[in-house]
PDB file of N, CA and C in Angstrom:
ATOM      1  N   UNK A   1     -71.296 164.892  36.211  1.00  0.00           N
ATOM      2  CA  UNK A   1     -69.926 164.828  36.684  1.00  0.00           C
ATOM      3  C   UNK A   1     -69.925 164.299  38.119  1.00  0.00           C
ATOM      4  N   UNK A   2     -69.034 163.350  38.378  1.00  0.00           N
ATOM      5  CA  UNK A   2     -68.895 162.775  39.719  1.00  0.00           C
ATOM      6  C   UNK A   2     -68.222 163.771  40.666  1.00  0.00           C
ATOM      7  N   UNK A   3     -68.455 163.639  41.963  1.00  0.00           N
ATOM      8  CA  UNK A   3     -67.667 164.411  42.927  1.00  0.00           C
ATOM      9  C   UNK A   3     -66.184 164.053  42.758  1.00  0.00           C
ATOM     10  N   UNK A   4     -65.306 164.981  43.062  1.00  0.00           N
ATOM     11  CA  UNK A   4     -63.875 164.776  42.864  1.00  0.00           C
ATOM     12  C   UNK A   4     -63.357 163.535  43.583  1.00  0.00           C
ATOM     13  N   UNK A   5     -63.753 163.327  44.826  1.00  0.00           N
ATOM     14  CA  UNK A   5     -63.256 162.153  45.556  1.00  0.00           C
ATOM     15  C   UNK A   5     -63.679 160.849  44.884  1.00  0.00           C
ATOM     16  N   UNK A   6     -64.871 160.816  44.306  1.00  0.00           N
ATOM     17  CA  UNK A   6     -65.314 159.639  43.560  1.00  0.00           C
ATOM     18  C   UNK A   6     -64.441 159.443  42.330  1.00  0.00           C
ATOM     19  N   UNK A   7     -64.154 160.525  41.624  1.00  0.00           N
ATOM     20  CA  UNK A   7     -63.313 160.438  40.426  1.00  0.00           C
ATOM     21  C   UNK A   7     -61.915 159.951  40.776  1.00  0.00           C
ATOM     22  N   UNK A   8     -61.396 160.397  41.905  1.00  0.00           N
ATOM     23  CA  UNK A   8     -60.076 159.944  42.349  1.00  0.00           C
ATOM     24  C   UNK A   8     -60.102 158.432  42.571  1.00  0.00           C
ATOM     25  N   UNK A   9     -61.091 157.936  43.280  1.00  0.00           N
ATOM     26  CA  UNK A   9     -61.186 156.503  43.536  1.00  0.00           C
ATOM     27  C   UNK A   9     -61.379 155.718  42.244  1.00  0.00           C
ATOM     28  N   UNK A  10     -62.250 156.176  41.369  1.00  0.00           N
ATOM     29  CA  UNK A  10     -62.494 155.482  40.104  1.00  0.00           C
ATOM     30  C   UNK A  10     -61.235 155.417  39.251  1.00  0.00           C
ATOM     31  N   UNK A  11     -60.396 156.434  39.338  1.00  0.00           N
ATOM     32  CA  UNK A  11     -59.149 156.438  38.572  1.00  0.00           C
ATOM     33  C   UNK A  11     -58.321 155.191  38.900  1.00  0.00           C
ATOM     34  N   UNK A  12     -58.338 154.767  40.148  1.00  0.00           N
ATOM     35  CA  UNK A  12     -57.530 153.622  40.564  1.00  0.00           C
ATOM     36  C   UNK A  12     -58.095 152.295  40.095  1.00  0.00           C
ATOM     37  N   UNK A  13     -59.320 152.279  39.598  1.00  0.00           N
ATOM     38  CA  UNK A  13     -59.873 151.053  39.022  1.00  0.00           C
ATOM     39  C   UNK A  13     -59.481 150.923  37.558  1.00  0.00           C
ATOM     40  N   UNK A  14     -58.829 151.940  37.015  1.00  0.00           N
ATOM     41  CA  UNK A  14     -58.472 151.956  35.587  1.00  0.00           C
ATOM     42  C   UNK A  14     -56.966 151.948  35.337  1.00  0.00           C
ATOM     43  N   UNK A  15     -56.170 152.057  36.392  1.00  0.00           N
ATOM     44  CA  UNK A  15     -54.711 152.084  36.248  1.00  0.00           C
ATOM     45  C   UNK A  15     -54.086 151.058  37.190  1.00  0.00           C
ATOM     46  N   UNK A  16     -52.863 150.642  36.872  1.00  0.00           N
ATOM     47  CA  UNK A  16     -52.152 149.684  37.718  1.00  0.00           C
ATOM     48  C   UNK A  16     -51.773 150.315  39.051  1.00  0.00           C
ATOM     49  N   UNK A  17     -51.235 151.534  39.005  1.00  0.00           N
ATOM     50  CA  UNK A  17     -50.877 152.293  40.199  1.00  0.00           C
ATOM     51  C   UNK A  17     -50.755 153.754  39.802  1.00  0.00           C
ATOM     52  N   UNK A  18     -50.796 154.628  40.790  1.00  0.00           N
ATOM     53  CA  UNK A  18     -50.669 156.058  40.512  1.00  0.00           C
ATOM     54  C   UNK A  18     -50.209 156.789  41.760  1.00  0.00           C
ATOM     55  N   UNK A  19     -49.525 157.890  41.519  1.00  0.00           N
ATOM     56  CA  UNK A  19     -49.111 158.780  42.603  1.00  0.00           C
ATOM     57  C   UNK A  19     -50.083 159.948  42.653  1.00  0.00           C
ATOM     58  N   UNK A  20     -49.924 160.779  43.648  1.00  0.00           N
ATOM     59  CA  UNK A  20     -50.738 161.986  43.767  1.00  0.00           C
ATOM     60  C   UNK A  20     -50.644 162.821  42.499  1.00  0.00           C
ATOM     61  N   UNK A  21     -49.429 163.002  42.017  1.00  0.00           N
ATOM     62  CA  UNK A  21     -49.217 163.814  40.818  1.00  0.00           C
ATOM     63  C   UNK A  21     -49.860 163.178  39.591  1.00  0.00           C
ATOM     64  N   UNK A  22     -49.815 161.841  39.501  1.00  0.00           N
ATOM     65  CA  UNK A  22     -50.456 161.140  38.386  1.00  0.00           C
ATOM     66  C   UNK A  22     -51.963 161.374  38.392  1.00  0.00           C
ATOM     67  N   UNK A  23     -52.563 161.319  39.565  1.00  0.00           N
ATOM     68  CA  UNK A  23     -54.011 161.538  39.698  1.00  0.00           C
ATOM     69  C   UNK A  23     -54.368 162.962  39.268  1.00  0.00           C
ATOM     70  N   UNK A  24     -53.612 163.919  39.743  1.00  0.00           N
ATOM     71  CA  UNK A  24     -53.874 165.320  39.389  1.00  0.00           C
ATOM     72  C   UNK A  24     -53.782 165.503  37.877  1.00  0.00           C
ATOM     73  N   UNK A  25     -52.746 164.953  37.282  1.00  0.00           N
ATOM     74  CA  UNK A  25     -52.556 165.076  35.832  1.00  0.00           C
ATOM     75  C   UNK A  25     -53.707 164.424  35.061  1.00  0.00           C
ATOM     76  N   UNK A  26     -54.131 163.248  35.514  1.00  0.00           N
ATOM     77  CA  UNK A  26     -55.211 162.529  34.834  1.00  0.00           C
ATOM     78  C   UNK A  26     -56.554 163.242  34.937  1.00  0.00           C
ATOM     79  N   UNK A  27     -56.789 163.927  36.049  1.00  0.00           N
ATOM     80  CA  UNK A  27     -58.108 164.534  36.282  1.00  0.00           C
ATOM     81  C   UNK A  27     -58.176 166.020  35.963  1.00  0.00           C
ATOM     82  N   UNK A  28     -57.052 166.651  35.679  1.00  0.00           N
ATOM     83  CA  UNK A  28     -57.083 168.108  35.524  1.00  0.00           C
ATOM     84  C   UNK A  28     -57.876 168.578  34.308  1.00  0.00           C
ATOM     85  N   UNK A  29     -58.026 167.759  33.292  1.00  0.00           N
ATOM     86  CA  UNK A  29     -58.838 168.143  32.149  1.00  0.00           C
ATOM     87  C   UNK A  29     -60.293 168.383  32.512  1.00  0.00           C
ATOM     88  N   UNK A  30     -60.840 167.507  33.343  1.00  0.00           N
ATOM     89  CA  UNK A  30     -62.248 167.601  33.730  1.00  0.00           C
ATOM     90  C   UNK A  30     -62.453 168.340  35.057  1.00  0.00           C
ATOM     91  N   UNK A  31     -61.480 168.237  35.965  1.00  0.00           N
ATOM     92  CA  UNK A  31     -61.631 168.780  37.308  1.00  0.00           C
ATOM     93  C   UNK A  31     -60.626 169.891  37.609  1.00  0.00           C
ATOM     94  N   UNK A  32     -59.981 170.418  36.599  1.00  0.00           N
ATOM     95  CA  UNK A  32     -58.927 171.401  36.782  1.00  0.00           C
ATOM     96  C   UNK A  32     -59.334 172.656  37.534  1.00  0.00           C
ATOM     97  N   UNK A  33     -60.610 172.996  37.496  1.00  0.00           N
ATOM     98  CA  UNK A  33     -61.062 174.198  38.188  1.00  0.00           C
ATOM     99  C   UNK A  33     -61.488 173.933  39.638  1.00  0.00           C
ATOM    100  N   UNK A  34     -61.359 172.705  40.108  1.00  0.00           N
ATOM    101  CA  UNK A  34     -61.712 172.377  41.490  1.00  0.00           C
ATOM    102  C   UNK A  34     -60.560 172.789  42.404  1.00  0.00           C
ATOM    103  N   UNK A  35     -60.875 173.501  43.469  1.00  0.00           N
ATOM    104  CA  UNK A  35     -59.847 173.937  44.424  1.00  0.00           C
ATOM    105  C   UNK A  35     -59.146 172.757  45.079  1.00  0.00           C
ATOM    106  N   UNK A  36     -59.852 171.657  45.271  1.00  0.00           N
ATOM    107  CA  UNK A  36     -59.286 170.508  45.965  1.00  0.00           C
ATOM    108  C   UNK A  36     -58.392 169.645  45.078  1.00  0.00           C
ATOM    109  N   UNK A  37     -58.260 169.976  43.811  1.00  0.00           N
ATOM    110  CA  UNK A  37     -57.369 169.219  42.937  1.00  0.00           C
ATOM    111  C   UNK A  37     -55.958 169.780  43.072  1.00  0.00           C
ATOM    112  N   UNK A  38     -55.375 169.509  44.234  1.00  0.00           N
ATOM    113  CA  UNK A  38     -54.007 169.935  44.538  1.00  0.00           C
ATOM    114  C   UNK A  38     -53.335 168.815  45.318  1.00  0.00           C
ATOM    115  N   UNK A  39     -52.027 168.893  45.418  1.00  0.00           N
ATOM    116  CA  UNK A  39     -51.250 167.806  46.023  1.00  0.00           C
ATOM    117  C   UNK A  39     -51.716 167.475  47.442  1.00  0.00           C
ATOM    118  N   UNK A  40     -51.914 168.477  48.262  1.00  0.00           N
ATOM    119  CA  UNK A  40     -52.278 168.253  49.660  1.00  0.00           C
ATOM    120  C   UNK A  40     -53.623 167.541  49.790  1.00  0.00           C
ATOM    121  N   UNK A  41     -54.636 168.036  49.084  1.00  0.00           N
ATOM    122  CA  UNK A  41     -55.975 167.465  49.215  1.00  0.00           C
ATOM    123  C   UNK A  41     -56.102 166.096  48.552  1.00  0.00           C
ATOM    124  N   UNK A  42     -55.441 165.902  47.423  1.00  0.00           N
ATOM    125  CA  UNK A  42     -55.483 164.594  46.771  1.00  0.00           C
ATOM    126  C   UNK A  42     -54.751 163.569  47.628  1.00  0.00           C
ATOM    127  N   UNK A  43     -53.619 163.943  48.194  1.00  0.00           N
ATOM    128  CA  UNK A  43     -52.900 163.027  49.081  1.00  0.00           C
ATOM    129  C   UNK A  43     -53.763 162.658  50.285  1.00  0.00           C
ATOM    130  N   UNK A  44     -54.470 163.612  50.842  1.00  0.00           N
ATOM    131  CA  UNK A  44     -55.369 163.321  51.972  1.00  0.00           C
ATOM    132  C   UNK A  44     -56.456 162.335  51.555  1.00  0.00           C
ATOM    133  N   UNK A  45     -56.999 162.493  50.350  1.00  0.00           N
ATOM    134  CA  UNK A  45     -58.016 161.569  49.852  1.00  0.00           C
ATOM    135  C   UNK A  45     -57.436 160.166  49.676  1.00  0.00           C
ATOM    136  N   UNK A  46     -56.208 160.082  49.163  1.00  0.00           N
ATOM    137  CA  UNK A  46     -55.568 158.777  48.965  1.00  0.00           C
ATOM    138  C   UNK A  46     -55.263 158.105  50.297  1.00  0.00           C
ATOM    139  N   UNK A  47     -54.797 158.863  51.251  1.00  0.00           N
ATOM    140  CA  UNK A  47     -54.487 158.299  52.567  1.00  0.00           C
ATOM    141  C   UNK A  47     -55.758 157.846  53.283  1.00  0.00           C
ATOM    142  N   UNK A  48     -56.852 158.580  53.096  1.00  0.00           N
ATOM    143  CA  UNK A  48     -58.137 158.182  53.677  1.00  0.00           C
ATOM    144  C   UNK A  48     -58.622 156.887  53.040  1.00  0.00           C
ATOM    145  N   UNK A  49     -58.502 156.801  51.714  1.00  0.00           N
ATOM    146  CA  UNK A  49     -58.910 155.577  51.017  1.00  0.00           C
ATOM    147  C   UNK A  49     -58.058 154.394  51.463  1.00  0.00           C
ATOM    148  N   UNK A  50     -56.783 154.630  51.707  1.00  0.00           N
ATOM    149  CA  UNK A  50     -55.911 153.561  52.206  1.00  0.00           C
ATOM    150  C   UNK A  50     -56.349 153.142  53.602  1.00  0.00           C
ATOM    151  N   UNK A  51     -56.622 154.093  54.471  1.00  0.00           N
ATOM    152  CA  UNK A  51     -57.051 153.789  55.839  1.00  0.00           C
ATOM    153  C   UNK A  51     -58.372 153.029  55.853  1.00  0.00           C
ATOM    154  N   UNK A  52     -59.208 153.266  54.839  1.00  0.00           N
ATOM    155  CA  UNK A  52     -60.505 152.588  54.746  1.00  0.00           C
ATOM    156  C   UNK A  52     -60.426 151.277  53.969  1.00  0.00           C
ATOM    157  N   UNK A  53     -59.223 150.880  53.557  1.00  0.00           N
ATOM    158  CA  UNK A  53     -59.039 149.583  52.919  1.00  0.00           C
ATOM    159  C   UNK A  53     -59.336 149.530  51.440  1.00  0.00           C
ATOM    160  N   UNK A  54     -59.512 150.675  50.791  1.00  0.00           N
ATOM    161  CA  UNK A  54     -59.808 150.682  49.360  1.00  0.00           C
ATOM    162  C   UNK A  54     -58.550 150.696  48.501  1.00  0.00           C
ATOM    163  N   UNK A  55     -57.501 151.319  48.995  1.00  0.00           N
ATOM    164  CA  UNK A  55     -56.232 151.415  48.280  1.00  0.00           C
ATOM    165  C   UNK A  55     -55.117 150.887  49.171  1.00  0.00           C
ATOM    166  N   UNK A  56     -53.991 150.563  48.532  1.00  0.00           N
ATOM    167  CA  UNK A  56     -52.805 150.198  49.294  1.00  0.00           C
ATOM    168  C   UNK A  56     -51.586 150.853  48.668  1.00  0.00           C
ATOM    169  N   UNK A  57     -50.628 151.151  49.507  1.00  0.00           N
ATOM    170  CA  UNK A  57     -49.375 151.748  49.048  1.00  0.00           C
ATOM    171  C   UNK A  57     -48.568 150.670  48.337  1.00  0.00           C
ATOM    172  N   UNK A  58     -48.013 151.020  47.156  1.00  0.00           N
ATOM    173  CA  UNK A  58     -47.219 150.046  46.418  1.00  0.00           C
ATOM    174  C   UNK A  58     -45.728 150.338  46.499  1.00  0.00           C
ATOM    175  N   UNK A  59     -45.363 151.611  46.470  1.00  0.00           N
ATOM    176  CA  UNK A  59     -43.952 151.984  46.545  1.00  0.00           C
ATOM    177  C   UNK A  59     -43.851 153.475  46.813  1.00  0.00           C
ATOM    178  N   UNK A  60     -42.644 153.911  47.104  1.00  0.00           N
ATOM    179  CA  UNK A  60     -42.422 155.337  47.325  1.00  0.00           C
ATOM    180  C   UNK A  60     -40.985 155.673  46.973  1.00  0.00           C
ATOM    181  N   UNK A  61     -40.729 156.953  46.773  1.00  0.00           N
ATOM    182  CA  UNK A  61     -39.389 157.425  46.457  1.00  0.00           C
ATOM    183  C   UNK A  61     -39.398 158.940  46.403  1.00  0.00           C
ATOM    184  N   UNK A  62     -38.268 159.495  46.058  1.00  0.00           N
ATOM    185  CA  UNK A  62     -38.144 160.942  45.953  1.00  0.00           C
ATOM    186  C   UNK A  62     -38.138 161.338  44.476  1.00  0.00           C
ATOM    187  N   UNK A  63     -38.825 162.421  44.142  1.00  0.00           N
ATOM    188  CA  UNK A  63     -38.765 162.923  42.772  1.00  0.00           C
ATOM    189  C   UNK A  63     -37.534 163.812  42.611  1.00  0.00           C
ATOM    190  N   UNK A  64     -37.380 164.406  41.427  1.00  0.00           N
ATOM    191  CA  UNK A  64     -36.205 165.229  41.134  1.00  0.00           C
ATOM    192  C   UNK A  64     -36.084 166.440  42.054  1.00  0.00           C
ATOM    193  N   UNK A  65     -37.211 166.931  42.551  1.00  0.00           N
ATOM    194  CA  UNK A  65     -37.220 168.106  43.430  1.00  0.00           C
ATOM    195  C   UNK A  65     -37.014 167.734  44.901  1.00  0.00           C
ATOM    196  N   UNK A  66     -36.885 166.427  45.184  1.00  0.00           N
ATOM    197  CA  UNK A  66     -36.695 165.991  46.558  1.00  0.00           C
ATOM    198  C   UNK A  66     -37.989 165.833  47.335  1.00  0.00           C
ATOM    199  N   UNK A  67     -39.109 165.777  46.630  1.00  0.00           N
ATOM    200  CA  UNK A  67     -40.416 165.609  47.265  1.00  0.00           C
ATOM    201  C   UNK A  67     -40.765 164.125  47.304  1.00  0.00           C
ATOM    202  N   UNK A  68     -41.283 163.679  48.437  1.00  0.00           N
ATOM    203  CA  UNK A  68     -41.700 162.292  48.576  1.00  0.00           C
ATOM    204  C   UNK A  68     -42.844 161.997  47.607  1.00  0.00           C
ATOM    205  N   UNK A  69     -42.724 160.916  46.863  1.00  0.00           N
ATOM    206  CA  UNK A  69     -43.742 160.508  45.897  1.00  0.00           C
ATOM    207  C   UNK A  69     -44.198 159.102  46.293  1.00  0.00           C
ATOM    208  N   UNK A  70     -45.473 158.975  46.661  1.00  0.00           N
ATOM    209  CA  UNK A  70     -46.037 157.704  47.105  1.00  0.00           C
ATOM    210  C   UNK A  70     -46.983 157.197  46.028  1.00  0.00           C
ATOM    211  N   UNK A  71     -46.866 155.927  45.704  1.00  0.00           N
ATOM    212  CA  UNK A  71     -47.735 155.295  44.711  1.00  0.00           C
ATOM    213  C   UNK A  71     -48.730 154.381  45.422  1.00  0.00           C
ATOM    214  N   UNK A  72     -49.962 154.388  44.924  1.00  0.00           N
ATOM    215  CA  UNK A  72     -51.036 153.567  45.472  1.00  0.00           C
ATOM    216  C   UNK A  72     -51.657 152.741  44.363  1.00  0.00           C
ATOM    217  N   UNK A  73     -52.367 151.687  44.763  1.00  0.00           N
ATOM    218  CA  UNK A  73     -53.145 150.890  43.826  1.00  0.00           C
ATOM    219  C   UNK A  73     -54.404 150.414  44.523  1.00  0.00           C
ATOM    220  N   UNK A  74     -55.393 150.094  43.718  1.00  0.00           N
ATOM    221  CA  UNK A  74     -56.607 149.474  44.243  1.00  0.00           C
ATOM    222  C   UNK A  74     -56.441 147.970  44.098  1.00  0.00           C
ATOM    223  N   UNK A  75     -56.365 147.245  45.209  1.00  0.00           N
ATOM    224  CA  UNK A  75     -56.316 145.782  45.145  1.00  0.00           C
ATOM    225  C   UNK A  75     -57.692 145.284  44.710  1.00  0.00           C
ATOM    226  N   UNK A  76     -57.820 144.009  44.426  1.00  0.00           N
ATOM    227  CA  UNK A  76     -59.072 143.480  43.863  1.00  0.00           C
ATOM    228  C   UNK A  76     -60.284 143.804  44.720  1.00  0.00           C
ATOM    229  N   UNK A  77     -60.190 143.585  46.013  1.00  0.00           N
ATOM    230  CA  UNK A  77     -61.344 143.847  46.884  1.00  0.00           C
ATOM    231  C   UNK A  77     -61.677 145.339  46.914  1.00  0.00           C
ATOM    232  N   UNK A  78     -60.651 146.176  46.943  1.00  0.00           N
ATOM    233  CA  UNK A  78     -60.872 147.617  46.933  1.00  0.00           C
ATOM    234  C   UNK A  78     -61.513 148.075  45.639  1.00  0.00           C
ATOM    235  N   UNK A  79     -61.004 147.580  44.509  1.00  0.00           N
ATOM    236  CA  UNK A  79     -61.573 147.943  43.205  1.00  0.00           C
ATOM    237  C   UNK A  79     -63.010 147.458  43.091  1.00  0.00           C
ATOM    238  N   UNK A  80     -63.277 146.252  43.576  1.00  0.00           N
ATOM    239  CA  UNK A  80     -64.649 145.729  43.550  1.00  0.00           C
ATOM    240  C   UNK A  80     -65.586 146.606  44.366  1.00  0.00           C
ATOM    241  N   UNK A  81     -65.142 147.040  45.526  1.00  0.00           N
ATOM    242  CA  UNK A  81     -65.963 147.905  46.384  1.00  0.00           C
ATOM    243  C   UNK A  81     -66.189 149.258  45.719  1.00  0.00           C
ATOM    244  N   UNK A  82     -65.121 149.841  45.169  1.00  0.00           N
ATOM    245  CA  UNK A  82     -65.258 151.130  44.471  1.00  0.00           C
ATOM    246  C   UNK A  82     -66.260 151.003  43.333  1.00  0.00           C
ATOM    247  N   UNK A  83     -66.123 149.954  42.527  1.00  0.00           N
ATOM    248  CA  UNK A  83     -67.013 149.780  41.374  1.00  0.00           C
ATOM    249  C   UNK A  83     -68.447 149.458  41.781  1.00  0.00           C
ATOM    250  N   UNK A  84     -68.615 148.841  42.939  1.00  0.00           N
ATOM    251  CA  UNK A  84     -69.962 148.523  43.427  1.00  0.00           C
ATOM    252  C   UNK A  84     -70.735 149.805  43.772  1.00  0.00           C
ATOM    253  N   UNK A  85     -70.039 150.763  44.389  1.00  0.00           N
ATOM    254  CA  UNK A  85     -70.709 151.968  44.875  1.00  0.00           C
ATOM    255  C   UNK A  85     -70.593 153.182  43.963  1.00  0.00           C
ATOM    256  N   UNK A  86     -69.596 153.188  43.092  1.00  0.00           N
ATOM    257  CA  UNK A  86     -69.411 154.327  42.184  1.00  0.00           C
ATOM    258  C   UNK A  86     -69.494 153.803  40.761  1.00  0.00           C
ATOM    259  N   UNK A  87     -70.569 154.073  40.112  1.00  0.00           N
ATOM    260  CA  UNK A  87     -70.800 153.586  38.741  1.00  0.00           C
ATOM    261  C   UNK A  87     -70.195 154.562  37.731  1.00  0.00           C
ATOM    262  N   UNK A  88     -69.832 154.020  36.573  1.00  0.00           N
ATOM    263  CA  UNK A  88     -69.303 154.874  35.490  1.00  0.00           C
ATOM    264  C   UNK A  88     -70.378 155.736  34.886  1.00  0.00           C
TER     265      UNK A  88
END
């Protein structure tokens, strides 16, 4: 099993875009017992990946509860870098 942060990054090489909640939903089957699989920690991982040039923000909006929902994607160079260092 990959470390959670690796799994988060790899998820973006397999989807067009995803929000924090999408990532949590996709990974909870395998990583559901990890303490860091929560909105705050996953968002921090996504923002770090964005700051490091691996992901980029695609859009944002408010969900039904009034919570900000930010979507990210791995652009080609970011996906190539992720796939180079994190193997399936």
